[in-house]
Amino acid sequence: MMRQLISSGAPWEPLVGYSRAVRVGNVVEVAGTTAQDGDVITGEGDVYAQTQRVLEKIG
């Protein structure tokens, strides 16, 4: 099966060999995605709102 690395363009990804996501076949593993955008945390204290934001970013 083909392995596809998915990058977000963050400057540290090539330096440490980090990928935002890895796809192998029909499975996608996602890492390091949070509900924080800069200094703003979406839904602080609200797990549901944070999960929605993370899934939006992954999409």
PDB file of N, CA and C in Angstrom:
ATOM      1  N   MET A   1       0.835  -1.195   0.000  1.00  0.00           N
ATOM      2  CA  MET A   1       0.000   0.000   0.000  1.00  0.00           C
ATOM      3  C   MET A   1       0.871   1.246   0.000  1.00  0.00           C
ATOM      4  N   MET A   2       0.365   2.270  -0.649  1.00  0.00           N
ATOM      5  CA  MET A   2       1.084   3.531  -0.723  1.00  0.00           C
ATOM      6  C   MET A   2       0.907   4.327   0.568  1.00  0.00           C
ATOM      7  N   ARG A   3       1.989   4.928   1.029  1.00  0.00           N
ATOM      8  CA  ARG A   3       1.962   5.781   2.223  1.00  0.00           C
ATOM      9  C   ARG A   3       2.078   7.230   1.766  1.00  0.00           C
ATOM     10  N   GLN A   4       1.150   8.074   2.214  1.00  0.00           N
ATOM     11  CA  GLN A   4       1.138   9.483   1.824  1.00  0.00           C
ATOM     12  C   GLN A   4       1.279  10.331   3.079  1.00  0.00           C
ATOM     13  N   LEU A   5       2.287  11.205   3.105  1.00  0.00           N
ATOM     14  CA  LEU A   5       2.479  12.145   4.209  1.00  0.00           C
ATOM     15  C   LEU A   5       1.758  13.438   3.864  1.00  0.00           C
ATOM     16  N   ILE A   6       1.008  13.980   4.824  1.00  0.00           N
ATOM     17  CA  ILE A   6       0.232  15.196   4.605  1.00  0.00           C
ATOM     18  C   ILE A   6       0.791  16.275   5.512  1.00  0.00           C
ATOM     19  N   SER A   7       1.235  17.372   4.918  1.00  0.00           N
ATOM     20  CA  SER A   7       1.883  18.456   5.648  1.00  0.00           C
ATOM     21  C   SER A   7       0.962  19.657   5.778  1.00  0.00           C
ATOM     22  N   SER A   8       1.130  20.382   6.877  1.00  0.00           N
ATOM     23  CA  SER A   8       0.382  21.631   7.045  1.00  0.00           C
ATOM     24  C   SER A   8       1.223  22.831   6.626  1.00  0.00           C
ATOM     25  N   GLY A   9       2.501  22.593   6.326  1.00  0.00           N
ATOM     26  CA  GLY A   9       3.395  23.673   5.942  1.00  0.00           C
ATOM     27  C   GLY A   9       4.104  24.319   7.117  1.00  0.00           C
ATOM     28  N   ALA A  10       3.936  23.764   8.319  1.00  0.00           N
ATOM     29  CA  ALA A  10       4.608  24.309   9.502  1.00  0.00           C
ATOM     30  C   ALA A  10       6.121  24.160   9.336  1.00  0.00           C
ATOM     31  N   PRO A  11       6.901  25.155   9.788  1.00  0.00           N
ATOM     32  CA  PRO A  11       8.343  25.142   9.534  1.00  0.00           C
ATOM     33  C   PRO A  11       9.087  23.995  10.218  1.00  0.00           C
ATOM     34  N   TRP A  12       8.557  23.446  11.295  1.00  0.00           N
ATOM     35  CA  TRP A  12       9.273  22.389  12.011  1.00  0.00           C
ATOM     36  C   TRP A  12       9.035  21.000  11.414  1.00  0.00           C
ATOM     37  N   GLU A  13       8.060  20.858  10.538  1.00  0.00           N
ATOM     38  CA  GLU A  13       7.763  19.527   9.982  1.00  0.00           C
ATOM     39  C   GLU A  13       8.972  18.899   9.278  1.00  0.00           C
ATOM     40  N   PRO A  14       9.627  19.612   8.362  1.00  0.00           N
ATOM     41  CA  PRO A  14      10.786  18.979   7.704  1.00  0.00           C
ATOM     42  C   PRO A  14      11.990  18.847   8.636  1.00  0.00           C
ATOM     43  N   LEU A  15      12.061  19.678   9.656  1.00  0.00           N
ATOM     44  CA  LEU A  15      13.213  19.640  10.568  1.00  0.00           C
ATOM     45  C   LEU A  15      13.196  18.410  11.470  1.00  0.00           C
ATOM     46  N   VAL A  16      12.012  17.986  11.891  1.00  0.00           N
ATOM     47  CA  VAL A  16      11.922  16.862  12.830  1.00  0.00           C
ATOM     48  C   VAL A  16      11.219  15.650  12.229  1.00  0.00           C
ATOM     49  N   GLY A  17      10.876  15.700  10.953  1.00  0.00           N
ATOM     50  CA  GLY A  17      10.217  14.574  10.305  1.00  0.00           C
ATOM     51  C   GLY A  17       8.782  14.384  10.742  1.00  0.00           C
ATOM     52  N   TYR A  18       8.111  15.469  11.023  1.00  0.00           N
ATOM     53  CA  TYR A  18       6.741  15.462  11.531  1.00  0.00           C
ATOM     54  C   TYR A  18       5.769  15.643  10.376  1.00  0.00           C
ATOM     55  N   SER A  19       4.683  14.883  10.395  1.00  0.00           N
ATOM     56  CA  SER A  19       3.621  15.056   9.408  1.00  0.00           C
ATOM     57  C   SER A  19       2.306  15.289  10.135  1.00  0.00           C
ATOM     58  N   ARG A  20       1.504  16.212   9.660  1.00  0.00           N
ATOM     59  CA  ARG A  20       0.191  16.486  10.256  1.00  0.00           C
ATOM     60  C   ARG A  20      -0.697  15.249  10.187  1.00  0.00           C
ATOM     61  N   ALA A  21      -0.569  14.517   9.089  1.00  0.00           N
ATOM     62  CA  ALA A  21      -1.351  13.294   8.926  1.00  0.00           C
ATOM     63  C   ALA A  21      -0.585  12.334   8.031  1.00  0.00           C
ATOM     64  N   VAL A  22      -0.902  11.056   8.176  1.00  0.00           N
ATOM     65  CA  VAL A  22      -0.323  10.013   7.334  1.00  0.00           C
ATOM     66  C   VAL A  22      -1.478   9.156   6.831  1.00  0.00           C
ATOM     67  N   ARG A  23      -1.496   8.937   5.529  1.00  0.00           N
ATOM     68  CA  ARG A  23      -2.535   8.096   4.937  1.00  0.00           C
ATOM     69  C   ARG A  23      -1.894   6.831   4.370  1.00  0.00           C
ATOM     70  N   VAL A  24      -2.452   5.691   4.755  1.00  0.00           N
ATOM     71  CA  VAL A  24      -2.054   4.402   4.209  1.00  0.00           C
ATOM     72  C   VAL A  24      -3.341   3.700   3.814  1.00  0.00           C
ATOM     73  N   GLY A  25      -3.523   3.502   2.511  1.00  0.00           N
ATOM     74  CA  GLY A  25      -4.771   2.914   2.032  1.00  0.00           C
ATOM     75  C   GLY A  25      -5.941   3.830   2.344  1.00  0.00           C
ATOM     76  N   ASN A  26      -6.969   3.294   3.005  1.00  0.00           N
ATOM     77  CA  ASN A  26      -8.138   4.121   3.332  1.00  0.00           C
ATOM     78  C   ASN A  26      -8.131   4.581   4.795  1.00  0.00           C
ATOM     79  N   VAL A  27      -6.972   4.470   5.455  1.00  0.00           N
ATOM     80  CA  VAL A  27      -6.839   4.902   6.851  1.00  0.00           C
ATOM     81  C   VAL A  27      -5.997   6.172   6.908  1.00  0.00           C
ATOM     82  N   VAL A  28      -6.495   7.184   7.646  1.00  0.00           N
ATOM     83  CA  VAL A  28      -5.757   8.420   7.852  1.00  0.00           C
ATOM     84  C   VAL A  28      -5.547   8.604   9.351  1.00  0.00           C
ATOM     85  N   GLU A  29      -4.292   8.714   9.768  1.00  0.00           N
ATOM     86  CA  GLU A  29      -3.935   8.978  11.162  1.00  0.00           C
ATOM     87  C   GLU A  29      -3.570  10.450  11.262  1.00  0.00           C
ATOM     88  N   VAL A  30      -4.158  11.163  12.226  1.00  0.00           N
ATOM     89  CA  VAL A  30      -3.952  12.598  12.384  1.00  0.00           C
ATOM     90  C   VAL A  30      -3.271  12.851  13.723  1.00  0.00           C
ATOM     91  N   ALA A  31      -2.309  13.796  13.736  1.00  0.00           N
ATOM     92  CA  ALA A  31      -1.582  14.103  14.968  1.00  0.00           C
ATOM     93  C   ALA A  31      -1.470  15.604  15.180  1.00  0.00           C
ATOM     94  N   GLY A  32      -1.386  15.988  16.422  1.00  0.00           N
ATOM     95  CA  GLY A  32      -1.060  17.363  16.767  1.00  0.00           C
ATOM     96  C   GLY A  32      -2.085  18.404  16.394  1.00  0.00           C
ATOM     97  N   THR A  33      -3.345  18.062  16.341  1.00  0.00           N
ATOM     98  CA  THR A  33      -4.378  19.024  15.983  1.00  0.00           C
ATOM     99  C   THR A  33      -5.145  19.416  17.238  1.00  0.00           C
ATOM    100  N   THR A  34      -5.195  20.710  17.508  1.00  0.00           N
ATOM    101  CA  THR A  34      -5.883  21.214  18.693  1.00  0.00           C
ATOM    102  C   THR A  34      -6.906  22.266  18.291  1.00  0.00           C
ATOM    103  N   ALA A  35      -7.680  22.709  19.264  1.00  0.00           N
ATOM    104  CA  ALA A  35      -8.694  23.737  19.015  1.00  0.00           C
ATOM    105  C   ALA A  35      -8.117  25.137  19.144  1.00  0.00           C
ATOM    106  N   GLN A  36      -6.804  25.257  19.177  1.00  0.00           N
ATOM    107  CA  GLN A  36      -6.162  26.561  19.318  1.00  0.00           C
ATOM    108  C   GLN A  36      -5.744  27.090  17.963  1.00  0.00           C
ATOM    109  N   ASP A  37      -6.054  28.368  17.716  1.00  0.00           N
ATOM    110  CA  ASP A  37      -5.651  29.076  16.507  1.00  0.00           C
ATOM    111  C   ASP A  37      -4.918  30.331  16.953  1.00  0.00           C
ATOM    112  N   GLY A  38      -3.592  30.284  16.922  1.00  0.00           N
ATOM    113  CA  GLY A  38      -2.821  31.414  17.439  1.00  0.00           C
ATOM    114  C   GLY A  38      -3.040  31.530  18.934  1.00  0.00           C
ATOM    115  N   ASP A  39      -3.500  32.691  19.379  1.00  0.00           N
ATOM    116  CA  ASP A  39      -3.765  32.911  20.808  1.00  0.00           C
ATOM    117  C   ASP A  39      -5.190  32.566  21.204  1.00  0.00           C
ATOM    118  N   VAL A  40      -6.018  32.192  20.241  1.00  0.00           N
ATOM    119  CA  VAL A  40      -7.436  31.934  20.503  1.00  0.00           C
ATOM    120  C   VAL A  40      -7.673  30.433  20.674  1.00  0.00           C
ATOM    121  N   ILE A  41      -8.320  30.058  21.778  1.00  0.00           N
ATOM    122  CA  ILE A  41      -8.720  28.674  22.000  1.00  0.00           C
ATOM    123  C   ILE A  41     -10.231  28.606  21.827  1.00  0.00           C
ATOM    124  N   THR A  42     -10.663  27.839  20.828  1.00  0.00           N
ATOM    125  CA  THR A  42     -12.093  27.679  20.587  1.00  0.00           C
ATOM    126  C   THR A  42     -12.704  26.839  21.692  1.00  0.00           C
ATOM    127  N   GLY A  43     -13.795  27.298  22.268  1.00  0.00           N
ATOM    128  CA  GLY A  43     -14.553  26.513  23.232  1.00  0.00           C
ATOM    129  C   GLY A  43     -13.783  26.152  24.480  1.00  0.00           C
ATOM    130  N   GLU A  44     -13.024  27.071  25.013  1.00  0.00           N
ATOM    131  CA  GLU A  44     -12.249  26.767  26.226  1.00  0.00           C
ATOM    132  C   GLU A  44     -13.163  26.189  27.306  1.00  0.00           C
ATOM    133  N   GLY A  45     -12.840  24.981  27.780  1.00  0.00           N
ATOM    134  CA  GLY A  45     -13.650  24.306  28.782  1.00  0.00           C
ATOM    135  C   GLY A  45     -14.831  23.537  28.212  1.00  0.00           C
ATOM    136  N   ASP A  46     -15.015  23.588  26.890  1.00  0.00           N
ATOM    137  CA  ASP A  46     -16.144  22.926  26.227  1.00  0.00           C
ATOM    138  C   ASP A  46     -15.599  21.876  25.252  1.00  0.00           C
ATOM    139  N   VAL A  47     -15.546  20.627  25.694  1.00  0.00           N
ATOM    140  CA  VAL A  47     -14.959  19.558  24.894  1.00  0.00           C
ATOM    141  C   VAL A  47     -15.680  19.392  23.559  1.00  0.00           C
ATOM    142  N   TYR A  48     -16.989  19.536  23.543  1.00  0.00           N
ATOM    143  CA  TYR A  48     -17.755  19.394  22.306  1.00  0.00           C
ATOM    144  C   TYR A  48     -17.333  20.459  21.289  1.00  0.00           C
ATOM    145  N   ALA A  49     -17.268  21.711  21.712  1.00  0.00           N
ATOM    146  CA  ALA A  49     -16.882  22.806  20.807  1.00  0.00           C
ATOM    147  C   ALA A  49     -15.444  22.621  20.319  1.00  0.00           C
ATOM    148  N   GLN A  50     -14.558  22.169  21.204  1.00  0.00           N
ATOM    149  CA  GLN A  50     -13.172  21.939  20.800  1.00  0.00           C
ATOM    150  C   GLN A  50     -13.091  20.811  19.771  1.00  0.00           C
ATOM    151  N   THR A  51     -13.853  19.756  19.989  1.00  0.00           N
ATOM    152  CA  THR A  51     -13.856  18.634  19.045  1.00  0.00           C
ATOM    153  C   THR A  51     -14.376  19.076  17.689  1.00  0.00           C
ATOM    154  N   GLN A  52     -15.430  19.891  17.675  1.00  0.00           N
ATOM    155  CA  GLN A  52     -15.949  20.403  16.403  1.00  0.00           C
ATOM    156  C   GLN A  52     -14.881  21.190  15.659  1.00  0.00           C
ATOM    157  N   ARG A  53     -14.146  22.054  16.384  1.00  0.00           N
ATOM    158  CA  ARG A  53     -13.101  22.871  15.744  1.00  0.00           C
ATOM    159  C   ARG A  53     -11.982  21.993  15.190  1.00  0.00           C
ATOM    160  N   VAL A  54     -11.573  21.002  15.957  1.00  0.00           N
ATOM    161  CA  VAL A  54     -10.503  20.104  15.503  1.00  0.00           C
ATOM    162  C   VAL A  54     -10.938  19.372  14.237  1.00  0.00           C
ATOM    163  N   LEU A  55     -12.163  18.879  14.207  1.00  0.00           N
ATOM    164  CA  LEU A  55     -12.639  18.168  13.020  1.00  0.00           C
ATOM    165  C   LEU A  55     -12.756  19.093  11.810  1.00  0.00           C
ATOM    166  N   GLU A  56     -13.106  20.364  12.035  1.00  0.00           N
ATOM    167  CA  GLU A  56     -13.124  21.345  10.940  1.00  0.00           C
ATOM    168  C   GLU A  56     -11.709  21.511  10.371  1.00  0.00           C
ATOM    169  N   LYS A  57     -10.736  21.635  11.254  1.00  0.00           N
ATOM    170  CA  LYS A  57      -9.350  21.824  10.804  1.00  0.00           C
ATOM    171  C   LYS A  57      -8.838  20.609  10.048  1.00  0.00           C
ATOM    172  N   ILE A  58      -9.196  19.419  10.515  1.00  0.00           N
ATOM    173  CA  ILE A  58      -8.765  18.197   9.835  1.00  0.00           C
ATOM    174  C   ILE A  58      -9.386  18.130   8.442  1.00  0.00           C
ATOM    175  N   GLY A  59     -10.659  18.528   8.352  1.00  0.00           N
ATOM    176  CA  GLY A  59     -11.345  18.506   7.061  1.00  0.00           C
ATOM    177  C   GLY A  59     -10.700  19.414   6.066  1.00  0.00           C
TER     178      GLY A  59
END
